[in-house]
């Protein structure tokens, strides 16, 4: 959430602002190091350049995109590091796989309830006529 908020704020300015960058650096030092490497500099050089106001926001975002989609980060993003992460992945997969079946069952139930609702006047008339006969 912090990274997303900082990136949104950062996008409004032509150059990367230290305040935004500092929070990103604190949240993901390894990620920033990889972005710096993609930009051809060390993390400390990137910090200095951000503080000097010499890194264009668009260049920074372009490097994030390249870094985030490379094989190493792609693999890190899809491998579980903790049991809780693996369980979250299992839940997401189950929901994704079962959702179409759940949607079908839900639609059948809705159709059944609509059928009863649509025929309710006839059902009530039938009961009324049955009691009037008695």
Protein backbone atom coordinates (compact mmCIF):
# COMPACT_ATOMS: atom_id res chain seq x y z
CA UNK A 1 0.00 0.00 0.00
CA UNK A 2 2.80 2.41 0.90
CA UNK A 3 4.61 1.74 -2.38
CA UNK A 4 1.45 2.31 -4.38
CA UNK A 5 0.70 5.57 -2.58
CA UNK A 6 4.24 6.84 -3.03
CA UNK A 7 4.27 5.92 -6.71
CA UNK A 8 0.98 7.78 -7.20
CA UNK A 9 2.39 10.88 -5.52
CA UNK A 10 5.65 10.51 -7.39
CA UNK A 11 3.90 10.35 -10.77
CA UNK A 12 2.67 13.92 -10.35
CA UNK A 13 6.21 15.33 -10.44
CA UNK A 14 8.71 15.29 -13.31
CA UNK A 15 11.62 14.30 -11.07
CA UNK A 16 11.73 11.69 -8.31
CA UNK A 17 11.25 13.43 -4.97
CA UNK A 18 13.34 12.39 -1.98
CA UNK A 19 10.35 12.15 0.38
CA UNK A 20 8.60 9.61 -1.84
CA UNK A 21 11.77 7.73 -2.73
CA UNK A 22 12.88 7.47 0.91
CA UNK A 23 9.70 5.60 1.87
CA UNK A 24 10.08 3.27 -1.09
CA UNK A 25 13.70 2.62 -0.13
CA UNK A 26 12.64 1.78 3.44
CA UNK A 27 9.88 -0.57 2.25
CA UNK A 28 11.86 -2.46 -0.37
CA UNK A 29 15.61 -1.90 -0.26
CA UNK A 30 16.31 -4.93 -2.46
CA UNK A 31 13.78 -3.72 -5.01
CA UNK A 32 15.32 -0.26 -5.14
CA UNK A 33 18.77 -1.81 -5.44
CA UNK A 34 17.55 -3.80 -8.46
CA UNK A 35 16.01 -0.67 -10.01
CA UNK A 36 19.26 1.22 -9.46
CA UNK A 37 21.17 -1.60 -11.14
CA UNK A 38 18.72 -1.48 -14.07
CA UNK A 39 19.47 2.24 -14.33
CA UNK A 40 23.21 1.55 -14.34
CA UNK A 41 24.05 2.80 -10.86
CA UNK A 42 24.50 1.61 -7.30
CA UNK A 43 21.87 2.20 -4.63
CA UNK A 44 24.01 4.88 -3.01
CA UNK A 45 24.45 6.62 -6.38
CA UNK A 46 20.71 6.49 -6.89
CA UNK A 47 20.09 7.97 -3.43
CA UNK A 48 22.49 10.82 -4.21
CA UNK A 49 20.93 11.41 -7.62
CA UNK A 50 17.41 11.46 -6.15
CA UNK A 51 18.54 13.91 -3.47
CA UNK A 52 20.11 16.06 -6.20
CA UNK A 53 16.86 15.92 -8.19
CA UNK A 54 18.45 14.40 -11.30
CA UNK A 55 16.33 11.25 -11.79
CA UNK A 56 13.30 11.70 -14.03
CA UNK A 57 10.17 10.06 -12.66
CA UNK A 58 9.37 8.40 -15.99
CA UNK A 59 12.86 6.89 -16.21
CA UNK A 60 12.46 5.57 -12.67
CA UNK A 61 9.05 4.03 -13.49
CA UNK A 62 10.40 2.51 -16.71
CA UNK A 63 13.19 0.87 -14.73
CA UNK A 64 10.71 -0.42 -12.14
CA UNK A 65 8.70 -1.97 -14.96
CA UNK A 66 11.76 -3.64 -16.49
CA UNK A 67 12.96 -4.87 -13.11
CA UNK A 68 9.55 -6.09 -11.94
CA UNK A 69 8.99 -8.15 -15.06
CA UNK A 70 12.39 -9.81 -15.27
CA UNK A 71 12.75 -13.55 -14.60
CA UNK A 72 14.31 -13.16 -11.13
CA UNK A 73 11.59 -10.90 -9.74
CA UNK A 74 8.89 -12.84 -11.55
CA UNK A 75 10.07 -16.02 -9.83
CA UNK A 76 10.28 -14.26 -6.44
CA UNK A 77 6.73 -13.00 -6.87
CA UNK A 78 5.37 -16.48 -7.59
CA UNK A 79 7.29 -18.47 -4.96
CA UNK A 80 6.00 -18.74 -1.42
CA UNK A 81 8.36 -17.84 1.39
CA UNK A 82 6.06 -18.61 4.33
CA UNK A 83 3.28 -21.09 5.11
CA UNK A 84 0.76 -18.23 5.36
CA UNK A 85 1.64 -17.11 1.85
CA UNK A 86 1.19 -20.64 0.55
CA UNK A 87 -2.22 -20.88 2.25
CA UNK A 88 -3.24 -17.54 0.74
CA UNK A 89 -2.20 -18.86 -2.67
CA UNK A 90 -4.24 -22.02 -2.11
CA UNK A 91 -7.31 -19.98 -1.15
CA UNK A 92 -6.96 -17.71 -4.16
CA UNK A 93 -6.59 -20.70 -6.48
CA UNK A 94 -9.61 -22.44 -4.99
CA UNK A 95 -11.74 -19.32 -5.27
CA UNK A 96 -10.63 -18.83 -8.87
CA UNK A 97 -11.36 -22.44 -9.79
CA UNK A 98 -14.63 -22.77 -7.89
CA UNK A 99 -16.08 -19.37 -8.78
CA UNK A 100 -17.62 -20.48 -12.11
CA UNK A 101 -19.36 -23.45 -10.42
CA UNK A 102 -20.56 -21.21 -7.59
CA UNK A 103 -21.88 -18.69 -10.12
CA UNK A 104 -23.80 -21.46 -11.92
CA UNK A 105 -25.36 -22.75 -8.70
CA UNK A 106 -26.20 -19.20 -7.67
CA UNK A 107 -27.93 -18.58 -11.01
CA UNK A 108 -29.96 -21.80 -10.64
CA UNK A 109 -31.05 -20.72 -7.16
CA UNK A 110 -31.96 -17.22 -8.41
CA UNK A 111 -33.98 -18.71 -11.29
CA UNK A 112 -35.81 -21.00 -8.85
CA UNK A 113 -36.68 -18.15 -6.49
CA UNK A 114 -37.78 -15.98 -9.42
CA UNK A 115 -40.02 -18.85 -10.61
CA UNK A 116 -41.68 -19.08 -7.21
CA UNK A 117 -42.04 -15.30 -7.02
CA UNK A 118 -43.55 -15.13 -10.51
CA UNK A 119 -46.02 -17.94 -9.72
CA UNK A 120 -46.89 -16.77 -6.21
CA UNK A 121 -50.20 -15.18 -7.31
CA UNK A 122 -51.25 -18.48 -8.94
CA UNK A 123 -50.22 -20.45 -5.85
CA UNK A 124 -52.19 -18.11 -3.58
CA UNK A 125 -55.22 -18.30 -5.91
CA UNK A 126 -54.97 -22.10 -5.79
CA UNK A 127 -54.97 -22.13 -1.98
CA UNK A 128 -57.82 -19.62 -1.89
CA UNK A 129 -59.91 -21.71 -4.31
CA UNK A 130 -59.14 -24.89 -2.36
CA UNK A 131 -60.40 -23.35 0.88
CA UNK A 132 -63.47 -21.86 -0.81
CA UNK A 133 -64.44 -25.34 -2.06
CA UNK A 134 -64.37 -26.78 1.44
